[in-house]
Amino acid sequence: MLTNRIGLNEWKRHAHSHPWIGQIGGEKRTIQHPVCPRCEKIALRDKGWAANRMARCPACGWSGRAQMLLNEYVQEKMWR
């Protein structure tokens, strides 16, 4: 069991901290966006999203196949 895990609200602030994500809107507008597996911030859908769930993170530059959406990430308690 992890004892140094941050709280959900603290993680949500981290996930939404990039300026581009702030322009999208609050949590309700980003609930269906992918989560970056590298930095745990909200990623943006990229070319190929419909066919392969391709995404790109504006914060760290990661790009690839999205593993989880924000709502799935929260339900599974995957944040670190």
N, C-alpha and C. Protein backbone atom coordinates (compact mmCIF):
# COMPACT_ATOMS: atom_id res chain seq x y z
N MET A 1 0.84 -1.19 0.00
CA MET A 1 0.00 0.00 0.00
C MET A 1 0.88 1.24 0.00
N LEU A 2 0.59 2.16 -0.89
CA LEU A 2 1.36 3.40 -0.96
C LEU A 2 0.91 4.36 0.12
N THR A 3 1.85 4.91 0.87
CA THR A 3 1.50 5.84 1.92
C THR A 3 1.76 7.29 1.53
N ASN A 4 2.60 7.51 0.53
CA ASN A 4 2.93 8.87 0.12
C ASN A 4 2.10 9.33 -1.07
N ARG A 5 0.98 8.73 -1.29
CA ARG A 5 0.11 9.04 -2.41
C ARG A 5 -0.58 10.39 -2.19
N ILE A 6 -0.68 11.20 -3.24
CA ILE A 6 -1.35 12.48 -3.10
C ILE A 6 -2.86 12.29 -3.15
N GLY A 7 -3.59 13.27 -2.69
CA GLY A 7 -5.04 13.21 -2.70
C GLY A 7 -5.62 13.44 -4.09
N LEU A 8 -6.85 13.05 -4.28
CA LEU A 8 -7.52 13.17 -5.57
C LEU A 8 -7.60 14.62 -6.03
N ASN A 9 -7.99 15.52 -5.15
CA ASN A 9 -8.12 16.93 -5.54
C ASN A 9 -6.77 17.53 -5.91
N GLU A 10 -5.72 17.16 -5.19
CA GLU A 10 -4.38 17.64 -5.51
C GLU A 10 -3.94 17.12 -6.89
N TRP A 11 -4.24 15.85 -7.18
CA TRP A 11 -3.89 15.30 -8.48
C TRP A 11 -4.69 15.99 -9.60
N LYS A 12 -5.96 16.27 -9.37
CA LYS A 12 -6.77 16.94 -10.38
C LYS A 12 -6.21 18.32 -10.70
N ARG A 13 -5.75 19.05 -9.68
CA ARG A 13 -5.12 20.36 -9.93
C ARG A 13 -3.87 20.18 -10.79
N HIS A 14 -3.09 19.15 -10.49
CA HIS A 14 -1.89 18.86 -11.28
C HIS A 14 -2.27 18.53 -12.72
N ALA A 15 -3.26 17.67 -12.90
CA ALA A 15 -3.66 17.21 -14.23
C ALA A 15 -4.16 18.36 -15.11
N HIS A 16 -4.79 19.35 -14.50
CA HIS A 16 -5.36 20.47 -15.24
C HIS A 16 -4.44 21.69 -15.26
N SER A 17 -3.18 21.56 -14.85
CA SER A 17 -2.33 22.72 -14.65
C SER A 17 -1.74 23.33 -15.92
N HIS A 18 -1.74 22.64 -17.03
CA HIS A 18 -1.18 23.21 -18.26
C HIS A 18 -2.13 24.30 -18.80
N PRO A 19 -1.58 25.43 -19.28
CA PRO A 19 -2.44 26.53 -19.77
C PRO A 19 -3.40 26.14 -20.88
N TRP A 20 -3.00 25.26 -21.78
CA TRP A 20 -3.91 24.84 -22.85
C TRP A 20 -5.12 24.11 -22.30
N ILE A 21 -4.91 23.31 -21.27
CA ILE A 21 -6.02 22.56 -20.69
C ILE A 21 -6.96 23.51 -19.97
N GLY A 22 -6.42 24.54 -19.37
CA GLY A 22 -7.25 25.55 -18.71
C GLY A 22 -8.20 26.24 -19.67
N GLN A 23 -7.80 26.35 -20.94
CA GLN A 23 -8.66 26.97 -21.96
C GLN A 23 -9.80 26.06 -22.37
N ILE A 24 -9.61 24.76 -22.22
CA ILE A 24 -10.67 23.80 -22.59
C ILE A 24 -11.85 23.94 -21.65
N GLY A 25 -11.57 24.12 -20.39
CA GLY A 25 -12.63 24.23 -19.40
C GLY A 25 -12.29 23.42 -18.17
N GLY A 26 -13.24 23.27 -17.32
CA GLY A 26 -13.04 22.57 -16.06
C GLY A 26 -13.06 21.06 -16.22
N GLU A 27 -13.18 20.41 -15.09
CA GLU A 27 -13.14 18.95 -15.05
C GLU A 27 -14.25 18.31 -15.87
N LYS A 28 -15.44 18.89 -15.88
CA LYS A 28 -16.55 18.31 -16.62
C LYS A 28 -16.28 18.29 -18.12
N ARG A 29 -15.51 19.25 -18.63
CA ARG A 29 -15.22 19.31 -20.06
C ARG A 29 -14.05 18.43 -20.44
N THR A 30 -13.24 18.00 -19.47
CA THR A 30 -12.07 17.18 -19.78
C THR A 30 -12.23 15.73 -19.34
N ILE A 31 -13.37 15.36 -18.84
CA ILE A 31 -13.57 14.02 -18.29
C ILE A 31 -13.36 12.92 -19.34
N GLN A 32 -13.56 13.23 -20.61
CA GLN A 32 -13.37 12.25 -21.68
C GLN A 32 -12.03 12.41 -22.39
N HIS A 33 -11.11 13.20 -21.85
CA HIS A 33 -9.79 13.37 -22.44
C HIS A 33 -8.84 12.31 -21.89
N PRO A 34 -7.84 11.93 -22.68
CA PRO A 34 -6.87 10.94 -22.20
C PRO A 34 -5.93 11.53 -21.16
N VAL A 35 -5.30 10.66 -20.39
CA VAL A 35 -4.31 11.05 -19.38
C VAL A 35 -2.94 10.61 -19.89
N CYS A 36 -1.96 11.51 -19.79
CA CYS A 36 -0.59 11.20 -20.21
C CYS A 36 0.01 10.19 -19.24
N PRO A 37 0.53 9.07 -19.73
CA PRO A 37 1.12 8.07 -18.83
C PRO A 37 2.46 8.52 -18.25
N ARG A 38 3.11 9.50 -18.88
CA ARG A 38 4.42 9.95 -18.41
C ARG A 38 4.31 10.97 -17.27
N CYS A 39 3.51 12.02 -17.45
CA CYS A 39 3.46 13.09 -16.45
C CYS A 39 2.12 13.20 -15.73
N GLU A 40 1.15 12.39 -16.09
CA GLU A 40 -0.18 12.35 -15.48
C GLU A 40 -0.97 13.64 -15.63
N LYS A 41 -0.75 14.36 -16.71
CA LYS A 41 -1.56 15.53 -17.00
C LYS A 41 -2.54 15.18 -18.11
N ILE A 42 -3.49 16.06 -18.35
CA ILE A 42 -4.47 15.83 -19.40
C ILE A 42 -3.76 15.91 -20.74
N ALA A 43 -3.96 14.91 -21.59
CA ALA A 43 -3.42 14.91 -22.94
C ALA A 43 -4.53 15.34 -23.90
N LEU A 44 -4.14 15.68 -25.09
CA LEU A 44 -5.11 16.09 -26.10
C LEU A 44 -5.22 15.03 -27.18
N ARG A 45 -6.41 14.88 -27.72
CA ARG A 45 -6.60 13.92 -28.80
C ARG A 45 -5.81 14.38 -30.01
N ASP A 46 -5.17 13.44 -30.68
CA ASP A 46 -4.32 13.75 -31.82
C ASP A 46 -4.89 13.10 -33.08
N LYS A 47 -4.27 13.36 -34.21
CA LYS A 47 -4.67 12.75 -35.47
C LYS A 47 -4.61 11.23 -35.30
N GLY A 48 -5.69 10.55 -35.61
CA GLY A 48 -5.77 9.12 -35.42
C GLY A 48 -6.52 8.72 -34.17
N TRP A 49 -7.15 9.69 -33.49
CA TRP A 49 -7.87 9.40 -32.25
C TRP A 49 -9.01 8.42 -32.49
N ALA A 50 -9.79 8.64 -33.51
CA ALA A 50 -10.97 7.81 -33.76
C ALA A 50 -10.60 6.35 -34.01
N ALA A 51 -9.55 6.11 -34.75
CA ALA A 51 -9.17 4.74 -35.10
C ALA A 51 -8.30 4.07 -34.04
N ASN A 52 -7.34 4.81 -33.47
CA ASN A 52 -6.35 4.19 -32.59
C ASN A 52 -6.17 4.85 -31.23
N ARG A 53 -7.03 5.80 -30.89
CA ARG A 53 -6.92 6.54 -29.61
C ARG A 53 -5.55 7.20 -29.45
N MET A 54 -5.06 7.83 -30.52
CA MET A 54 -3.78 8.52 -30.48
C MET A 54 -3.94 9.85 -29.75
N ALA A 55 -2.97 10.16 -28.89
CA ALA A 55 -3.02 11.39 -28.10
C ALA A 55 -1.63 12.00 -28.00
N ARG A 56 -1.60 13.27 -27.58
CA ARG A 56 -0.33 13.99 -27.40
C ARG A 56 -0.47 14.87 -26.17
N CYS A 57 0.57 14.88 -25.36
CA CYS A 57 0.58 15.67 -24.13
C CYS A 57 1.23 17.03 -24.40
N PRO A 58 0.52 18.13 -24.14
CA PRO A 58 1.12 19.44 -24.36
C PRO A 58 2.16 19.81 -23.30
N ALA A 59 2.14 19.14 -22.17
CA ALA A 59 3.05 19.47 -21.07
C ALA A 59 4.44 18.85 -21.26
N CYS A 60 4.51 17.55 -21.54
CA CYS A 60 5.82 16.87 -21.60
C CYS A 60 6.20 16.43 -23.01
N GLY A 61 5.27 16.49 -23.96
CA GLY A 61 5.58 16.13 -25.33
C GLY A 61 5.32 14.67 -25.69
N TRP A 62 4.86 13.87 -24.74
CA TRP A 62 4.58 12.46 -25.02
C TRP A 62 3.52 12.37 -26.12
N SER A 63 3.65 11.38 -26.98
CA SER A 63 2.60 11.08 -27.95
C SER A 63 2.55 9.57 -28.13
N GLY A 64 1.36 9.08 -28.33
CA GLY A 64 1.17 7.64 -28.51
C GLY A 64 -0.27 7.25 -28.28
N ARG A 65 -0.47 5.97 -28.11
CA ARG A 65 -1.82 5.42 -27.89
C ARG A 65 -2.23 5.66 -26.45
N ALA A 66 -3.37 6.28 -26.27
CA ALA A 66 -3.88 6.59 -24.93
C ALA A 66 -4.33 5.30 -24.25
N GLN A 67 -3.93 5.14 -23.01
CA GLN A 67 -4.31 3.96 -22.24
C GLN A 67 -5.64 4.16 -21.52
N MET A 68 -5.84 5.35 -20.94
CA MET A 68 -7.04 5.60 -20.16
C MET A 68 -7.53 7.03 -20.35
N LEU A 69 -8.84 7.20 -20.20
CA LEU A 69 -9.44 8.52 -20.17
C LEU A 69 -9.45 8.99 -18.72
N LEU A 70 -9.66 10.29 -18.52
CA LEU A 70 -9.65 10.86 -17.18
C LEU A 70 -10.65 10.19 -16.26
N ASN A 71 -11.87 9.96 -16.72
CA ASN A 71 -12.88 9.34 -15.86
C ASN A 71 -12.49 7.91 -15.46
N GLU A 72 -11.87 7.15 -16.36
CA GLU A 72 -11.41 5.79 -16.04
C GLU A 72 -10.25 5.86 -15.05
N TYR A 73 -9.38 6.82 -15.23
CA TYR A 73 -8.20 7.00 -14.36
C TYR A 73 -8.63 7.27 -12.92
N VAL A 74 -9.65 8.11 -12.77
CA VAL A 74 -10.16 8.44 -11.44
C VAL A 74 -10.88 7.23 -10.82
N GLN A 75 -11.71 6.56 -11.60
CA GLN A 75 -12.45 5.40 -11.09
C GLN A 75 -11.50 4.29 -10.61
N GLU A 76 -10.41 4.07 -11.34
CA GLU A 76 -9.46 3.02 -10.99
C GLU A 76 -8.42 3.47 -9.96
N LYS A 77 -8.46 4.76 -9.56
CA LYS A 77 -7.54 5.34 -8.58
C LYS A 77 -6.09 5.11 -9.00
N MET A 78 -5.77 5.49 -10.24
CA MET A 78 -4.47 5.23 -10.81
C MET A 78 -3.43 6.33 -10.54
N TRP A 79 -3.87 7.51 -10.06
CA TRP A 79 -2.91 8.60 -9.86
C TRP A 79 -1.89 8.25 -8.80
N ARG A 80 -0.69 8.88 -8.93
CA ARG A 80 0.41 8.57 -8.00
C ARG A 80 0.51 9.59 -6.90
